[in-house]
C-alpha atoms as a PDB file:
ATOM      1  CA  MET A   1     130.073 -79.618 130.366  1.00  0.00           C
ATOM      2  CA  MET A   2     127.391 -77.041 131.146  1.00  0.00           C
ATOM      3  CA  GLU A   3     123.852 -78.199 131.927  1.00  0.00           C
ATOM      4  CA  LEU A   4     120.689 -76.384 130.866  1.00  0.00           C
ATOM      5  CA  SER A   5     118.025 -75.456 133.362  1.00  0.00           C
ATOM      6  CA  ARG A   6     114.406 -76.450 132.810  1.00  0.00           C
ATOM      7  CA  GLU A   7     113.620 -72.855 131.856  1.00  0.00           C
ATOM      8  CA  ALA A   8     116.448 -72.878 129.327  1.00  0.00           C
ATOM      9  CA  PHE A   9     115.079 -76.097 127.809  1.00  0.00           C
ATOM     10  CA  ARG A  10     111.635 -74.500 127.598  1.00  0.00           C
ATOM     11  CA  SER A  11     113.131 -71.407 125.926  1.00  0.00           C
ATOM     12  CA  VAL A  12     114.916 -73.551 123.330  1.00  0.00           C
ATOM     13  CA  GLY A  13     111.678 -75.420 122.691  1.00  0.00           C
ATOM     14  CA  ARG A  14     109.723 -72.210 122.221  1.00  0.00           C
ATOM     15  CA  PHE A  15     112.382 -70.875 119.847  1.00  0.00           C
ATOM     16  CA  TRP A  16     112.368 -74.135 117.833  1.00  0.00           C
ATOM     17  CA  ARG A  17     108.553 -74.203 117.566  1.00  0.00           C
ATOM     18  CA  ALA A  18     108.489 -70.524 116.533  1.00  0.00           C
ATOM     19  CA  ASN A  19     111.024 -71.185 113.781  1.00  0.00           C
ATOM     20  CA  ILE A  20     109.007 -74.153 112.507  1.00  0.00           C
ATOM     21  CA  ARG A  21     105.912 -71.944 112.339  1.00  0.00           C
ATOM     22  CA  ARG A  22     107.848 -69.260 110.424  1.00  0.00           C
ATOM     23  CA  PHE A  23     110.129 -71.302 108.186  1.00  0.00           C
ATOM     24  CA  GLY A  24     108.846 -74.906 108.111  1.00  0.00           C
ATOM     25  CA  ILE A  25     110.609 -78.244 108.633  1.00  0.00           C
ATOM     26  CA  TYR A  26     113.942 -78.890 106.901  1.00  0.00           C
ATOM     27  CA  ASP A  27     117.645 -79.497 107.518  1.00  0.00           C
ATOM     28  CA  LYS A  28     120.003 -76.543 107.619  1.00  0.00           C
ATOM     29  CA  VAL A  29     122.992 -77.423 105.470  1.00  0.00           C
ATOM     30  CA  HIS A  30     126.667 -76.544 105.639  1.00  0.00           C
ATOM     31  CA  PRO A  31     129.408 -77.018 103.024  1.00  0.00           C
ATOM     32  CA  ALA A  32     130.653 -80.614 102.907  1.00  0.00           C
ATOM     33  CA  GLU A  33     133.554 -82.470 101.344  1.00  0.00           C
ATOM     34  CA  THR A  34     133.614 -82.396  97.562  1.00  0.00           C
ATOM     35  CA  THR A  35     135.575 -83.783  94.618  1.00  0.00           C
ATOM     36  CA  PRO A  36     138.144 -82.135  92.331  1.00  0.00           C
ATOM     37  CA  SER A  37     137.095 -79.959  89.408  1.00  0.00           C
ATOM     38  CA  ARG A  38     136.152 -81.926  86.328  1.00  0.00           C
ATOM     39  CA  LEU A  39     138.214 -81.792  83.149  1.00  0.00           C
ATOM     40  CA  VAL A  40     137.193 -80.316  79.794  1.00  0.00           C
ATOM     41  CA  PRO A  41     138.600 -81.724  76.529  1.00  0.00           C
ATOM     42  CA  GLU A  42     140.715 -79.477  74.338  1.00  0.00           C
ATOM     43  CA  HIS A  43     138.210 -79.497  71.467  1.00  0.00           C
ATOM     44  CA  ILE A  44     135.471 -77.783  73.527  1.00  0.00           C
ATOM     45  CA  GLU A  45     135.355 -74.044  72.788  1.00  0.00           C
ATOM     46  CA  LYS A  46     136.122 -72.082  75.935  1.00  0.00           C
ATOM     47  CA  PRO A  47     135.043 -68.608  77.082  1.00  0.00           C
ATOM     48  CA  ASP A  48     137.353 -65.609  77.364  1.00  0.00           C
ATOM     49  CA  TYR A  49     138.001 -65.937  81.119  1.00  0.00           C
ATOM     50  CA  ILE A  50     139.350 -69.477  80.649  1.00  0.00           C
ATOM     51  CA  LEU A  51     141.636 -68.363  77.835  1.00  0.00           C
ATOM     52  CA  GLY A  52     142.978 -65.466  79.891  1.00  0.00           C
ATOM     53  CA  LYS A  53     141.440 -62.876  77.602  1.00  0.00           C
ATOM     54  CA  LEU A  54     139.590 -59.761  78.671  1.00  0.00           C
ATOM     55  CA  LEU A  55     136.378 -59.479  76.659  1.00  0.00           C
ATOM     56  CA  ASN A  56     135.480 -55.846  76.117  1.00  0.00           C
ATOM     57  CA  THR A  57     131.865 -55.214  77.083  1.00  0.00           C
ATOM     58  CA  SER A  58     130.046 -51.943  76.592  1.00  0.00           C
ATOM     59  CA  LYS A  59     128.897 -49.995  79.624  1.00  0.00           C
ATOM     60  CA  LYS A  60     125.492 -49.831  77.927  1.00  0.00           C
ATOM     61  CA  PRO A  61     123.144 -52.789  77.352  1.00  0.00           C
ATOM     62  CA  GLU A  62     123.924 -54.482  74.054  1.00  0.00           C
ATOM     63  CA  ILE A  63     121.321 -54.528  71.290  1.00  0.00           C
ATOM     64  CA  LYS A  64     121.954 -57.767  69.414  1.00  0.00           C
ATOM     65  CA  ASN A  65     121.574 -58.322  65.678  1.00  0.00           C
ATOM     66  CA  GLU A  66     119.900 -61.385  64.137  1.00  0.00           C
ATOM     67  CA  GLU A  67     123.097 -63.423  64.088  1.00  0.00           C
ATOM     68  CA  GLN A  68     123.764 -62.715  67.752  1.00  0.00           C
ATOM     69  CA  ILE A  69     120.155 -63.499  68.684  1.00  0.00           C
ATOM     70  CA  LYS A  70     120.452 -66.831  66.872  1.00  0.00           C
ATOM     71  CA  GLY A  71     123.572 -67.578  68.902  1.00  0.00           C
ATOM     72  CA  MET A  72     121.712 -66.755  72.114  1.00  0.00           C
ATOM     73  CA  ARG A  73     118.776 -68.961  71.161  1.00  0.00           C
ATOM     74  CA  ASN A  74     121.130 -71.878  70.543  1.00  0.00           C
ATOM     75  CA  SER A  75     123.041 -71.533  73.818  1.00  0.00           C
ATOM     76  CA  CYS A  76     119.888 -70.991  75.856  1.00  0.00           C
ATOM     77  CA  ASN A  77     118.288 -74.037  74.260  1.00  0.00           C
ATOM     78  CA  VAL A  78     121.253 -76.174  75.355  1.00  0.00           C
ATOM     79  CA  ALA A  79     121.040 -74.853  78.933  1.00  0.00           C
ATOM     80  CA  ALA A  80     117.263 -75.362  79.128  1.00  0.00           C
ATOM     81  CA  ASN A  81     117.475 -78.910  77.799  1.00  0.00           C
ATOM     82  CA  ILE A  82     120.115 -79.840  80.375  1.00  0.00           C
ATOM     83  CA  LEU A  83     117.950 -78.400  83.172  1.00  0.00           C
ATOM     84  CA  LYS A  84     115.006 -80.528  81.993  1.00  0.00           C
ATOM     85  CA  ILE A  85     117.140 -83.677  82.125  1.00  0.00           C
ATOM     86  CA  VAL A  86     118.346 -82.797  85.621  1.00  0.00           C
ATOM     87  CA  GLN A  87     114.827 -82.478  87.060  1.00  0.00           C
ATOM     88  CA  PRO A  88     113.947 -86.212  87.334  1.00  0.00           C
ATOM     89  CA  PHE A  89     117.517 -86.953  88.458  1.00  0.00           C
ATOM     90  CA  VAL A  90     117.043 -84.891  91.640  1.00  0.00           C
ATOM     91  CA  GLN A  91     115.975 -87.476  94.232  1.00  0.00           C
ATOM     92  CA  PRO A  92     116.731 -88.290  97.886  1.00  0.00           C
ATOM     93  CA  GLY A  93     120.149 -89.926  98.171  1.00  0.00           C
ATOM     94  CA  VAL A  94     121.610 -88.177  95.126  1.00  0.00           C
ATOM     95  CA  THR A  95     124.477 -85.816  95.972  1.00  0.00           C
ATOM     96  CA  THR A  96     124.867 -82.368  94.476  1.00  0.00           C
ATOM     97  CA  ASP A  97     128.254 -83.610  93.238  1.00  0.00           C
ATOM     98  CA  ASP A  98     126.302 -86.226  91.260  1.00  0.00           C
ATOM     99  CA  ILE A  99     124.284 -83.357  89.761  1.00  0.00           C
ATOM    100  CA  ASP A 100     127.534 -81.584  88.897  1.00  0.00           C
ATOM    101  CA  GLU A 101     128.827 -84.697  87.129  1.00  0.00           C
ATOM    102  CA  LEU A 102     125.596 -85.009  85.136  1.00  0.00           C
ATOM    103  CA  VAL A 103     125.556 -81.340  84.109  1.00  0.00           C
ATOM    104  CA  HIS A 104     129.236 -81.467  83.187  1.00  0.00           C
ATOM    105  CA  THR A 105     128.768 -84.588  81.052  1.00  0.00           C
ATOM    106  CA  LEU A 106     125.650 -83.269  79.308  1.00  0.00           C
ATOM    107  CA  SER A 107     127.359 -79.949  78.567  1.00  0.00           C
ATOM    108  CA  LEU A 108     130.340 -81.641  76.940  1.00  0.00           C
ATOM    109  CA  GLU A 109     128.098 -84.025  74.987  1.00  0.00           C
ATOM    110  CA  ALA A 110     126.293 -80.969  73.580  1.00  0.00           C
ATOM    111  CA  GLY A 111     129.625 -79.427  72.596  1.00  0.00           C
ATOM    112  CA  ALA A 112     129.299 -76.733  75.272  1.00  0.00           C
ATOM    113  CA  TYR A 113     131.546 -75.492  78.085  1.00  0.00           C
ATOM    114  CA  PRO A 114     129.930 -75.373  81.570  1.00  0.00           C
ATOM    115  CA  SER A 115     130.304 -71.642  82.197  1.00  0.00           C
ATOM    116  CA  PRO A 116     130.658 -71.675  86.024  1.00  0.00           C
ATOM    117  CA  LEU A 117     133.731 -73.947  85.877  1.00  0.00           C
ATOM    118  CA  HIS A 118     136.776 -71.833  86.890  1.00  0.00           C
ATOM    119  CA  TYR A 119     134.829 -68.574  86.490  1.00  0.00           C
ATOM    120  CA  LYS A 120     136.676 -66.314  88.955  1.00  0.00           C
ATOM    121  CA  GLY A 121     137.854 -69.490  90.676  1.00  0.00           C
ATOM    122  CA  PHE A 122     134.534 -71.331  91.065  1.00  0.00           C
ATOM    123  CA  PRO A 123     135.550 -75.006  91.253  1.00  0.00           C
ATOM    124  CA  LYS A 124     132.516 -76.772  89.783  1.00  0.00           C
ATOM    125  CA  SER A 125     130.394 -76.922  86.620  1.00  0.00           C
ATOM    126  CA  VAL A 126     127.067 -75.900  88.169  1.00  0.00           C
ATOM    127  CA  CYS A 127     125.780 -74.082  91.255  1.00  0.00           C
ATOM    128  CA  THR A 128     123.591 -76.157  93.607  1.00  0.00           C
ATOM    129  CA  SER A 129     121.983 -74.308  96.516  1.00  0.00           C
ATOM    130  CA  VAL A 130     120.177 -76.431  99.117  1.00  0.00           C
ATOM    131  CA  ASN A 131     117.650 -75.151 101.690  1.00  0.00           C
ATOM    132  CA  ASN A 132     119.287 -72.250 103.571  1.00  0.00           C
ATOM    133  CA  VAL A 133     121.949 -71.741 100.891  1.00  0.00           C
ATOM    134  CA  ALA A 134     120.692 -68.759  98.905  1.00  0.00           C
ATOM    135  CA  VAL A 135     123.031 -68.836  95.889  1.00  0.00           C
ATOM    136  CA  HIS A 136     126.350 -70.145  94.537  1.00  0.00           C
ATOM    137  CA  GLY A 137     126.376 -73.388  96.480  1.00  0.00           C
ATOM    138  CA  ILE A 138     129.369 -75.581  95.573  1.00  0.00           C
ATOM    139  CA  PRO A 139     128.293 -79.152  94.719  1.00  0.00           C
ATOM    140  CA  ASP A 140     129.465 -81.608  97.386  1.00  0.00           C
ATOM    141  CA  LEU A 141     129.062 -85.149  98.714  1.00  0.00           C
ATOM    142  CA  ARG A 142     126.098 -84.533 101.049  1.00  0.00           C
ATOM    143  CA  PRO A 143     123.191 -86.745  99.900  1.00  0.00           C
ATOM    144  CA  LEU A 144     119.973 -84.838  99.298  1.00  0.00           C
ATOM    145  CA  GLN A 145     117.382 -85.545 101.983  1.00  0.00           C
ATOM    146  CA  ASN A 146     113.663 -86.086 101.673  1.00  0.00           C
ATOM    147  CA  GLY A 147     112.112 -82.637 102.146  1.00  0.00           C
ATOM    148  CA  ASP A 148     115.047 -80.618 100.789  1.00  0.00           C
ATOM    149  CA  ILE A 149     114.721 -77.967  98.115  1.00  0.00           C
ATOM    150  CA  VAL A 150     117.671 -77.416  95.766  1.00  0.00           C
ATOM    151  CA  ASN A 151     118.288 -74.749  93.166  1.00  0.00           C
ATOM    152  CA  VAL A 152     120.267 -75.922  90.151  1.00  0.00           C
ATOM    153  CA  ASP A 153     121.760 -72.968  88.251  1.00  0.00           C
ATOM    154  CA  ILE A 154     123.012 -73.926  84.798  1.00  0.00           C
ATOM    155  CA  THR A 155     124.979 -71.769  82.371  1.00  0.00           C
ATOM    156  CA  VAL A 156     126.660 -73.071  79.234  1.00  0.00           C
ATOM    157  CA  PHE A 157     128.979 -71.453  76.696  1.00  0.00           C
ATOM    158  CA  PHE A 158     127.959 -72.774  73.280  1.00  0.00           C
ATOM    159  CA  LYS A 159     129.361 -71.578  69.957  1.00  0.00           C
ATOM    160  CA  GLY A 160     130.424 -68.254  71.412  1.00  0.00           C
ATOM    161  CA  TYR A 161     127.406 -67.413  73.587  1.00  0.00           C
ATOM    162  CA  HIS A 162     126.303 -68.045  77.179  1.00  0.00           C
ATOM    163  CA  GLY A 163     122.825 -69.347  78.065  1.00  0.00           C
ATOM    164  CA  ASP A 164     121.685 -69.155  81.689  1.00  0.00           C
ATOM    165  CA  CYS A 165     118.727 -70.606  83.610  1.00  0.00           C
ATOM    166  CA  SER A 166     117.883 -72.098  86.987  1.00  0.00           C
ATOM    167  CA  LYS A 167     115.065 -73.808  88.842  1.00  0.00           C
ATOM    168  CA  THR A 168     114.473 -74.844  92.439  1.00  0.00           C
ATOM    169  CA  PHE A 169     113.540 -78.524  92.617  1.00  0.00           C
ATOM    170  CA  LEU A 170     111.594 -80.363  95.298  1.00  0.00           C
ATOM    171  CA  VAL A 171     113.340 -83.405  96.786  1.00  0.00           C
ATOM    172  CA  GLY A 172     110.783 -86.023  97.783  1.00  0.00           C
ATOM    173  CA  ASP A 173     108.034 -84.768 100.103  1.00  0.00           C
ATOM    174  CA  VAL A 174     108.495 -81.083 100.864  1.00  0.00           C
ATOM    175  CA  ASP A 175     106.485 -79.362 103.609  1.00  0.00           C
ATOM    176  CA  ASP A 176     103.862 -76.713 102.833  1.00  0.00           C
ATOM    177  CA  HIS A 177     106.182 -73.807 103.678  1.00  0.00           C
ATOM    178  CA  GLY A 178     108.740 -75.082 101.168  1.00  0.00           C
ATOM    179  CA  LEU A 179     106.134 -75.695  98.469  1.00  0.00           C
ATOM    180  CA  HIS A 180     104.776 -72.179  98.889  1.00  0.00           C
ATOM    181  CA  LEU A 181     108.262 -70.654  98.738  1.00  0.00           C
ATOM    182  CA  VAL A 182     109.186 -72.435  95.500  1.00  0.00           C
ATOM    183  CA  HIS A 183     105.879 -71.761  93.770  1.00  0.00           C
ATOM    184  CA  ALA A 184     105.836 -68.102  94.831  1.00  0.00           C
ATOM    185  CA  THR A 185     109.368 -67.600  93.514  1.00  0.00           C
ATOM    186  CA  GLU A 186     108.338 -68.983  90.129  1.00  0.00           C
ATOM    187  CA  ASP A 187     105.270 -66.721  90.214  1.00  0.00           C
ATOM    188  CA  CYS A 188     107.517 -63.687  90.786  1.00  0.00           C
ATOM    189  CA  LEU A 189     109.685 -64.631  87.813  1.00  0.00           C
ATOM    190  CA  ASN A 190     106.738 -65.265  85.496  1.00  0.00           C
ATOM    191  CA  GLN A 191     104.937 -62.064  86.474  1.00  0.00           C
ATOM    192  CA  ALA A 192     108.105 -60.030  85.954  1.00  0.00           C
ATOM    193  CA  ILE A 193     108.626 -61.454  82.469  1.00  0.00           C
ATOM    194  CA  LYS A 194     105.057 -60.536  81.515  1.00  0.00           C
ATOM    195  CA  ILE A 195     105.705 -56.815  81.933  1.00  0.00           C
ATOM    196  CA  CYS A 196     108.886 -56.797  79.816  1.00  0.00           C
ATOM    197  CA  GLY A 197     108.898 -55.169  76.396  1.00  0.00           C
ATOM    198  CA  PRO A 198     110.153 -52.179  74.403  1.00  0.00           C
ATOM    199  CA  ASP A 199     110.586 -48.951  76.398  1.00  0.00           C
ATOM    200  CA  VAL A 200     109.695 -50.557  79.737  1.00  0.00           C
ATOM    201  CA  PRO A 201     112.032 -49.282  82.493  1.00  0.00           C
ATOM    202  CA  PHE A 202     114.406 -51.949  83.831  1.00  0.00           C
ATOM    203  CA  CYS A 203     113.458 -50.893  87.355  1.00  0.00           C
ATOM    204  CA  ASP A 204     109.846 -51.978  86.801  1.00  0.00           C
ATOM    205  CA  ILE A 205     110.969 -55.610  87.107  1.00  0.00           C
ATOM    206  CA  GLY A 206     112.021 -55.056  90.703  1.00  0.00           C
ATOM    207  CA  PHE A 207     108.846 -53.206  91.624  1.00  0.00           C
ATOM    208  CA  ARG A 208     106.708 -56.012  90.176  1.00  0.00           C
ATOM    209  CA  ILE A 209     108.648 -58.754  91.986  1.00  0.00           C
ATOM    210  CA  HIS A 210     108.592 -56.793  95.254  1.00  0.00           C
ATOM    211  CA  ARG A 211     104.791 -56.519  95.075  1.00  0.00           C
ATOM    212  CA  ILE A 212     104.263 -60.193  94.232  1.00  0.00           C
ATOM    213  CA  ALA A 213     106.639 -61.341  96.992  1.00  0.00           C
ATOM    214  CA  LYS A 214     104.923 -59.088  99.519  1.00  0.00           C
ATOM    215  CA  ARG A 215     101.566 -60.549  98.493  1.00  0.00           C
ATOM    216  CA  HIS A 216     103.004 -63.998  99.274  1.00  0.00           C
ATOM    217  CA  LYS A 217     104.410 -62.690 102.606  1.00  0.00           C
ATOM    218  CA  LEU A 218     107.960 -63.492 101.501  1.00  0.00           C
ATOM    219  CA  THR A 219     111.201 -61.522 101.371  1.00  0.00           C
ATOM    220  CA  VAL A 220     113.238 -60.757  98.254  1.00  0.00           C
ATOM    221  CA  LEU A 221     116.976 -61.054  98.929  1.00  0.00           C
ATOM    222  CA  PRO A 222     118.259 -57.773  97.433  1.00  0.00           C
ATOM    223  CA  ALA A 223     121.944 -58.723  97.173  1.00  0.00           C
ATOM    224  CA  PHE A 224     121.417 -60.753  94.001  1.00  0.00           C
ATOM    225  CA  VAL A 225     120.718 -59.279  90.573  1.00  0.00           C
ATOM    226  CA  GLY A 226     120.067 -60.458  87.055  1.00  0.00           C
ATOM    227  CA  HIS A 227     122.377 -59.358  84.272  1.00  0.00           C
ATOM    228  CA  GLY A 228     122.931 -58.832  80.592  1.00  0.00           C
ATOM    229  CA  ILE A 229     124.340 -61.860  78.814  1.00  0.00           C
ATOM    230  CA  GLY A 230     125.785 -62.754  75.416  1.00  0.00           C
ATOM    231  CA  LYS A 231     129.338 -63.540  74.390  1.00  0.00           C
ATOM    232  CA  TYR A 232     130.014 -62.262  77.917  1.00  0.00           C
ATOM    233  CA  PHE A 233     128.794 -64.115  81.024  1.00  0.00           C
ATOM    234  CA  HIS A 234     127.775 -60.933  82.871  1.00  0.00           C
ATOM    235  CA  GLY A 235     127.229 -57.423  81.556  1.00  0.00           C
ATOM    236  CA  PRO A 236     124.756 -54.544  81.605  1.00  0.00           C
ATOM    237  CA  PRO A 237     121.963 -54.088  82.426  1.00  0.00           C
ATOM    238  CA  GLU A 238     121.781 -55.055  86.086  1.00  0.00           C
ATOM    239  CA  ILE A 239     118.319 -56.373  86.902  1.00  0.00           C
ATOM    240  CA  TYR A 240     117.271 -55.625  90.467  1.00  0.00           C
ATOM    241  CA  HIS A 241     114.526 -57.768  91.962  1.00  0.00           C
ATOM    242  CA  THR A 242     113.242 -55.308  94.525  1.00  0.00           C
ATOM    243  CA  GLN A 243     112.409 -51.600  94.563  1.00  0.00           C
ATOM    244  CA  ASN A 244     115.185 -49.667  92.824  1.00  0.00           C
ATOM    245  CA  ARG A 245     116.094 -46.688  90.657  1.00  0.00           C
ATOM    246  CA  TYR A 246     118.282 -48.424  88.074  1.00  0.00           C
ATOM    247  CA  PRO A 247     118.138 -46.258  84.927  1.00  0.00           C
ATOM    248  CA  GLY A 248     117.370 -47.216  81.357  1.00  0.00           C
ATOM    249  CA  LEU A 249     114.680 -48.689  79.126  1.00  0.00           C
ATOM    250  CA  MET A 250     114.379 -52.089  77.487  1.00  0.00           C
ATOM    251  CA  LYS A 251     114.938 -52.153  73.720  1.00  0.00           C
ATOM    252  CA  PRO A 252     114.368 -54.881  71.105  1.00  0.00           C
ATOM    253  CA  GLY A 253     117.459 -57.066  70.771  1.00  0.00           C
ATOM    254  CA  MET A 254     118.500 -56.873  74.428  1.00  0.00           C
ATOM    255  CA  THR A 255     119.042 -60.152  76.294  1.00  0.00           C
ATOM    256  CA  PHE A 256     119.270 -60.432  80.061  1.00  0.00           C
ATOM    257  CA  THR A 257     118.425 -62.717  82.964  1.00  0.00           C
ATOM    258  CA  ILE A 258     115.752 -62.304  85.600  1.00  0.00           C
ATOM    259  CA  GLU A 259     116.544 -64.445  88.653  1.00  0.00           C
ATOM    260  CA  PRO A 260     114.814 -63.489  91.927  1.00  0.00           C
ATOM    261  CA  VAL A 261     115.789 -65.150  95.208  1.00  0.00           C
ATOM    262  CA  LEU A 262     113.075 -65.279  97.876  1.00  0.00           C
ATOM    263  CA  SER A 263     113.071 -66.385 101.519  1.00  0.00           C
ATOM    264  CA  HIS A 264     110.744 -66.725 104.497  1.00  0.00           C
ATOM    265  CA  GLY A 265     113.063 -64.737 106.747  1.00  0.00           C
ATOM    266  CA  SER A 266     115.107 -61.558 106.676  1.00  0.00           C
ATOM    267  CA  GLU A 267     116.908 -60.094 103.669  1.00  0.00           C
ATOM    268  CA  ASN A 268     120.349 -60.537 105.250  1.00  0.00           C
ATOM    269  CA  THR A 269     122.833 -63.084 103.922  1.00  0.00           C
ATOM    270  CA  ILE A 270     126.312 -64.376 104.811  1.00  0.00           C
ATOM    271  CA  LEU A 271     129.192 -65.144 102.442  1.00  0.00           C
ATOM    272  CA  LEU A 272     131.013 -68.226 103.725  1.00  0.00           C
ATOM    273  CA  GLU A 273     134.769 -68.746 103.883  1.00  0.00           C
ATOM    274  CA  ASP A 274     134.919 -70.571 100.542  1.00  0.00           C
ATOM    275  CA  GLY A 275     134.237 -67.192  98.920  1.00  0.00           C
ATOM    276  CA  TRP A 276     131.184 -68.434  97.011  1.00  0.00           C
ATOM    277  CA  THR A 277     128.508 -70.046  99.158  1.00  0.00           C
ATOM    278  CA  VAL A 278     125.931 -67.514 100.392  1.00  0.00           C
ATOM    279  CA  THR A 279     123.518 -68.548 103.129  1.00  0.00           C
ATOM    280  CA  THR A 280     120.606 -66.758 104.741  1.00  0.00           C
ATOM    281  CA  GLU A 281     121.651 -65.110 107.984  1.00  0.00           C
ATOM    282  CA  ASP A 282     118.702 -66.505 109.934  1.00  0.00           C
ATOM    283  CA  GLY A 283     118.876 -70.015 108.464  1.00  0.00           C
ATOM    284  CA  ALA A 284     115.597 -69.678 106.535  1.00  0.00           C
ATOM    285  CA  ARG A 285     115.262 -71.492 103.234  1.00  0.00           C
ATOM    286  CA  ALA A 286     115.713 -69.601  99.972  1.00  0.00           C
ATOM    287  CA  ALA A 287     114.445 -70.390  96.479  1.00  0.00           C
ATOM    288  CA  GLN A 288     115.476 -68.993  93.098  1.00  0.00           C
ATOM    289  CA  ALA A 289     114.069 -69.190  89.576  1.00  0.00           C
ATOM    290  CA  GLU A 290     115.757 -67.832  86.444  1.00  0.00           C
ATOM    291  CA  HIS A 291     115.257 -67.360  82.724  1.00  0.00           C
ATOM    292  CA  THR A 292     117.221 -65.584  80.019  1.00  0.00           C
ATOM    293  CA  ILE A 293     114.877 -63.396  78.004  1.00  0.00           C
ATOM    294  CA  LEU A 294     115.032 -61.471  74.722  1.00  0.00           C
ATOM    295  CA  ILE A 295     113.220 -58.170  74.284  1.00  0.00           C
ATOM    296  CA  THR A 296     111.247 -58.289  71.019  1.00  0.00           C
ATOM    297  CA  GLU A 297     109.310 -55.673  69.054  1.00  0.00           C
ATOM    298  CA  ASP A 298     106.104 -56.473  70.923  1.00  0.00           C
ATOM    299  CA  GLY A 299     107.152 -57.984  74.271  1.00  0.00           C
ATOM    300  CA  ALA A 300     109.646 -60.544  75.515  1.00  0.00           C
ATOM    301  CA  GLU A 301     110.658 -64.051  74.474  1.00  0.00           C
ATOM    302  CA  ILE A 302     111.861 -66.596  77.036  1.00  0.00           C
ATOM    303  CA  LEU A 303     114.995 -68.072  75.491  1.00  0.00           C
ATOM    304  CA  THR A 304     115.410 -70.751  78.176  1.00  0.00           C
ATOM    305  CA  GLN A 305     111.782 -71.958  78.112  1.00  0.00           C
END
């Protein structure tokens, strides 16, 4: 077993103190043991990818009619209500697998299918991303610790339409760096929604979020985008959260998600061997906030409010 010199110990100490100053105090997490996928009764309506069907989606953003908008409002309302119930449930000692069980049960009780379950092989009913996990964390048996932050990303398929939202929750007493990260991420989302409306370029969302994040001295992780949503889980437009040249203008009747991911560190991320979990390369915490919105005649309506 190799020993460290005094200078090496001092170097490690300096590195540790520098990271605390930059990123704050928290536990870096790694994927842990989990439980099998949960079952869905036959009577629950299932999306196309579960039924083995290929849903044809236009290459252009869909402009929904009143019936389709009503369907989106209903599905988004189910997703938002589940997220509200989850919030007080998130406490130290609760596992993210417990959160998965709760979301799964609430979805079925509402008559909805939990959209992430078996989507392209994802094994659980919700995504739970803790601390340095940026997105697509697989719920597992690790108990949440005091000081953690955890994003819970909920999508449901209800009466033919998907509704999608997420929020990063504080677990117990979170340090100032973590509080700032979560609040700034929500600020980016809210400020981006405010500029949405008819004939606004999609790319303006990214420019607005980039400016707000820079003001907060945080980094937007550019690998993750929002998306059009409807009877399909993901479709056009793609919503970039940093500076971009994505073409096209918003039109009344369009529905899409805005879901920025911010971090204290670099913009680089790592996809782990499970094929889903994405962590920050430098171990910094990440936070995400998400709403599904509808473009109206005079602005934008938050469907997952």
